[in-house]
């Protein structure tokens, strides 16, 4: 099973080796989708966790006991098709090629399975047609 979670670290505990502990103690694979962690600052980490459902639940409970804020990531990138001018600027900044211009129609298409929610496309969009659901 897979779950996407956003972890928020208080500045006192950003040094905890979270992905190592998830792998070693819970047999959970953790893919880092986005990270913003620095010493003595609040840190955020977006992970995709893979493993047994019971192990995932135990791992999430362990994270909470460590003082780490855990929220299930239900964010999505949204494209307002009425505002979008299909210019393709967002495709140039997308690191996973989740945004493409369809070759036949030159219309923007989002491949949700590739999106890692880096939000670079939001900043790149000149008309503000790309947002998130949160």
C-alpha atoms as a PDB file:
ATOM      1  CA  UNK A   1       0.000   0.000   0.000  1.00  0.00           C
ATOM      2  CA  UNK A   2       1.112   3.590  -0.603  1.00  0.00           C
ATOM      3  CA  UNK A   3       0.366   6.779   1.278  1.00  0.00           C
ATOM      4  CA  UNK A   4       1.518  10.326   0.671  1.00  0.00           C
ATOM      5  CA  UNK A   5       2.194  12.261   3.837  1.00  0.00           C
ATOM      6  CA  UNK A   6       3.462  15.693   4.723  1.00  0.00           C
ATOM      7  CA  UNK A   7       5.702  15.789   7.779  1.00  0.00           C
ATOM      8  CA  UNK A   8       6.264  19.003   9.728  1.00  0.00           C
ATOM      9  CA  UNK A   9       9.295  18.998  12.000  1.00  0.00           C
ATOM     10  CA  UNK A  10       9.633  21.439  14.899  1.00  0.00           C
ATOM     11  CA  UNK A  11      13.034  23.133  14.680  1.00  0.00           C
ATOM     12  CA  UNK A  12      14.352  21.179  17.679  1.00  0.00           C
ATOM     13  CA  UNK A  13      14.017  17.769  15.998  1.00  0.00           C
ATOM     14  CA  UNK A  14      14.921  18.216  12.316  1.00  0.00           C
ATOM     15  CA  UNK A  15      18.010  16.055  12.907  1.00  0.00           C
ATOM     16  CA  UNK A  16      16.001  12.806  13.445  1.00  0.00           C
ATOM     17  CA  UNK A  17      16.899  10.325  10.625  1.00  0.00           C
ATOM     18  CA  UNK A  18      13.271   9.693   9.695  1.00  0.00           C
ATOM     19  CA  UNK A  19      13.647   7.807   6.425  1.00  0.00           C
ATOM     20  CA  UNK A  20      16.298   5.531   7.937  1.00  0.00           C
ATOM     21  CA  UNK A  21      14.083   4.721  10.936  1.00  0.00           C
ATOM     22  CA  UNK A  22      11.053   4.088   8.702  1.00  0.00           C
ATOM     23  CA  UNK A  23      13.060   1.596   6.646  1.00  0.00           C
ATOM     24  CA  UNK A  24      14.878  -0.113   9.529  1.00  0.00           C
ATOM     25  CA  UNK A  25      12.174  -0.212  12.196  1.00  0.00           C
ATOM     26  CA  UNK A  26       9.001  -0.510  10.087  1.00  0.00           C
ATOM     27  CA  UNK A  27      10.159  -1.928   6.722  1.00  0.00           C
ATOM     28  CA  UNK A  28       8.673   1.103   4.977  1.00  0.00           C
ATOM     29  CA  UNK A  29      10.087   2.511   1.749  1.00  0.00           C
ATOM     30  CA  UNK A  30      10.023   6.308   1.818  1.00  0.00           C
ATOM     31  CA  UNK A  31      10.347   8.248  -1.430  1.00  0.00           C
ATOM     32  CA  UNK A  32      11.091  11.907  -0.801  1.00  0.00           C
ATOM     33  CA  UNK A  33       8.912  14.009  -3.079  1.00  0.00           C
ATOM     34  CA  UNK A  34       9.705  17.399  -1.606  1.00  0.00           C
ATOM     35  CA  UNK A  35      11.987  18.545   1.195  1.00  0.00           C
ATOM     36  CA  UNK A  36      12.536  21.821   2.966  1.00  0.00           C
ATOM     37  CA  UNK A  37      14.676  21.039   5.994  1.00  0.00           C
ATOM     38  CA  UNK A  38      17.413  23.168   7.569  1.00  0.00           C
ATOM     39  CA  UNK A  39      19.029  23.141  11.026  1.00  0.00           C
ATOM     40  CA  UNK A  40      17.185  25.193  13.659  1.00  0.00           C
ATOM     41  CA  UNK A  41      14.225  25.891  11.373  1.00  0.00           C
ATOM     42  CA  UNK A  42      10.805  24.284  10.981  1.00  0.00           C
ATOM     43  CA  UNK A  43      11.112  21.565   8.328  1.00  0.00           C
ATOM     44  CA  UNK A  44       8.640  20.093   5.862  1.00  0.00           C
ATOM     45  CA  UNK A  45       8.973  16.812   4.062  1.00  0.00           C
ATOM     46  CA  UNK A  46       6.538  15.276   1.575  1.00  0.00           C
ATOM     47  CA  UNK A  47       6.974  11.512   1.369  1.00  0.00           C
ATOM     48  CA  UNK A  48       5.344   8.658  -0.465  1.00  0.00           C
ATOM     49  CA  UNK A  49       5.397   5.731   1.946  1.00  0.00           C
ATOM     50  CA  UNK A  50       5.145   2.163   0.660  1.00  0.00           C
ATOM     51  CA  UNK A  51       4.656  -0.951   2.747  1.00  0.00           C
ATOM     52  CA  UNK A  52       2.243  -3.154   4.631  1.00  0.00           C
ATOM     53  CA  UNK A  53      -0.874  -1.280   5.808  1.00  0.00           C
ATOM     54  CA  UNK A  54      -0.313  -2.188   9.459  1.00  0.00           C
ATOM     55  CA  UNK A  55       3.338  -1.139   9.256  1.00  0.00           C
ATOM     56  CA  UNK A  56       2.290   2.166   7.662  1.00  0.00           C
ATOM     57  CA  UNK A  57      -0.142   2.869  10.482  1.00  0.00           C
ATOM     58  CA  UNK A  58       2.488   1.979  13.106  1.00  0.00           C
ATOM     59  CA  UNK A  59       5.067   4.175  11.396  1.00  0.00           C
ATOM     60  CA  UNK A  60       2.678   7.134  11.283  1.00  0.00           C
ATOM     61  CA  UNK A  61       1.927   6.705  14.982  1.00  0.00           C
ATOM     62  CA  UNK A  62       5.669   6.576  15.741  1.00  0.00           C
ATOM     63  CA  UNK A  63       6.209   9.806  13.788  1.00  0.00           C
ATOM     64  CA  UNK A  64       3.525  11.512  15.862  1.00  0.00           C
ATOM     65  CA  UNK A  65       5.094  10.314  19.136  1.00  0.00           C
ATOM     66  CA  UNK A  66       8.360  11.947  18.026  1.00  0.00           C
ATOM     67  CA  UNK A  67       6.630  15.329  17.861  1.00  0.00           C
ATOM     68  CA  UNK A  68       6.461  15.346  14.070  1.00  0.00           C
ATOM     69  CA  UNK A  69       3.245  16.704  12.562  1.00  0.00           C
ATOM     70  CA  UNK A  70       1.750  14.233  10.095  1.00  0.00           C
ATOM     71  CA  UNK A  71      -0.944  14.996   7.576  1.00  0.00           C
ATOM     72  CA  UNK A  72      -2.085  12.808   4.745  1.00  0.00           C
ATOM     73  CA  UNK A  73      -1.311  14.579   1.513  1.00  0.00           C
ATOM     74  CA  UNK A  74      -4.486  15.024  -0.451  1.00  0.00           C
ATOM     75  CA  UNK A  75      -3.228  17.949  -2.457  1.00  0.00           C
ATOM     76  CA  UNK A  76      -3.667  18.085  -6.170  1.00  0.00           C
ATOM     77  CA  UNK A  77      -2.490  20.409  -8.867  1.00  0.00           C
ATOM     78  CA  UNK A  78      -5.494  21.978 -10.569  1.00  0.00           C
ATOM     79  CA  UNK A  79      -5.513  23.571 -14.006  1.00  0.00           C
ATOM     80  CA  UNK A  80      -8.255  26.042 -14.842  1.00  0.00           C
ATOM     81  CA  UNK A  81      -8.887  25.151 -18.483  1.00  0.00           C
ATOM     82  CA  UNK A  82     -10.771  28.413 -19.090  1.00  0.00           C
ATOM     83  CA  UNK A  83      -7.779  30.513 -17.977  1.00  0.00           C
ATOM     84  CA  UNK A  84      -5.027  28.308 -19.421  1.00  0.00           C
ATOM     85  CA  UNK A  85      -3.636  29.573 -22.725  1.00  0.00           C
ATOM     86  CA  UNK A  86      -1.617  26.368 -23.350  1.00  0.00           C
ATOM     87  CA  UNK A  87       1.621  28.350 -23.603  1.00  0.00           C
ATOM     88  CA  UNK A  88       3.709  25.472 -22.208  1.00  0.00           C
ATOM     89  CA  UNK A  89       5.837  27.532 -19.813  1.00  0.00           C
ATOM     90  CA  UNK A  90       4.906  25.172 -16.990  1.00  0.00           C
ATOM     91  CA  UNK A  91       6.149  22.162 -18.960  1.00  0.00           C
ATOM     92  CA  UNK A  92       9.645  23.624 -18.995  1.00  0.00           C
ATOM     93  CA  UNK A  93       9.904  23.799 -15.192  1.00  0.00           C
ATOM     94  CA  UNK A  94       8.231  20.474 -14.369  1.00  0.00           C
ATOM     95  CA  UNK A  95      11.030  18.163 -13.144  1.00  0.00           C
ATOM     96  CA  UNK A  96       9.017  14.958 -13.645  1.00  0.00           C
ATOM     97  CA  UNK A  97       7.404  15.818 -16.993  1.00  0.00           C
ATOM     98  CA  UNK A  98       3.975  15.566 -15.405  1.00  0.00           C
ATOM     99  CA  UNK A  99       2.877  18.525 -17.515  1.00  0.00           C
ATOM    100  CA  UNK A 100       3.027  18.054 -21.271  1.00  0.00           C
ATOM    101  CA  UNK A 101       1.595  19.647 -24.380  1.00  0.00           C
ATOM    102  CA  UNK A 102      -0.232  16.978 -26.336  1.00  0.00           C
ATOM    103  CA  UNK A 103       1.460  16.699 -29.738  1.00  0.00           C
ATOM    104  CA  UNK A 104      -1.775  16.492 -31.735  1.00  0.00           C
ATOM    105  CA  UNK A 105      -3.715  19.341 -30.092  1.00  0.00           C
ATOM    106  CA  UNK A 106      -1.018  21.414 -28.331  1.00  0.00           C
ATOM    107  CA  UNK A 107      -3.294  21.398 -25.269  1.00  0.00           C
ATOM    108  CA  UNK A 108      -1.803  21.179 -21.790  1.00  0.00           C
ATOM    109  CA  UNK A 109      -2.196  17.833 -20.079  1.00  0.00           C
ATOM    110  CA  UNK A 110      -1.369  16.863 -16.476  1.00  0.00           C
ATOM    111  CA  UNK A 111      -0.166  13.308 -15.855  1.00  0.00           C
ATOM    112  CA  UNK A 112      -1.156  13.056 -12.176  1.00  0.00           C
ATOM    113  CA  UNK A 113       0.800   9.862 -11.526  1.00  0.00           C
ATOM    114  CA  UNK A 114       4.055  11.713 -12.281  1.00  0.00           C
ATOM    115  CA  UNK A 115       3.306  14.868 -10.257  1.00  0.00           C
ATOM    116  CA  UNK A 116       5.350  15.292  -7.054  1.00  0.00           C
ATOM    117  CA  UNK A 117       3.658  18.562  -5.996  1.00  0.00           C
ATOM    118  CA  UNK A 118       6.811  20.669  -6.260  1.00  0.00           C
ATOM    119  CA  UNK A 119       4.539  23.592  -7.236  1.00  0.00           C
ATOM    120  CA  UNK A 120       7.063  25.056  -9.661  1.00  0.00           C
ATOM    121  CA  UNK A 121       4.345  25.127 -12.314  1.00  0.00           C
ATOM    122  CA  UNK A 122       2.199  27.450 -10.180  1.00  0.00           C
ATOM    123  CA  UNK A 123       4.916  30.098 -10.122  1.00  0.00           C
ATOM    124  CA  UNK A 124       5.713  29.635 -13.826  1.00  0.00           C
ATOM    125  CA  UNK A 125       2.139  30.100 -15.071  1.00  0.00           C
ATOM    126  CA  UNK A 126       1.855  33.652 -16.467  1.00  0.00           C
ATOM    127  CA  UNK A 127      -1.947  33.715 -16.255  1.00  0.00           C
ATOM    128  CA  UNK A 128      -2.394  32.034 -12.848  1.00  0.00           C
ATOM    129  CA  UNK A 129      -4.278  29.075 -14.291  1.00  0.00           C
ATOM    130  CA  UNK A 130      -2.464  26.517 -12.096  1.00  0.00           C
ATOM    131  CA  UNK A 131      -3.324  26.193  -8.398  1.00  0.00           C
ATOM    132  CA  UNK A 132      -3.694  23.530  -5.709  1.00  0.00           C
ATOM    133  CA  UNK A 133      -6.866  22.276  -4.056  1.00  0.00           C
ATOM    134  CA  UNK A 134      -5.599  23.424  -0.627  1.00  0.00           C
END
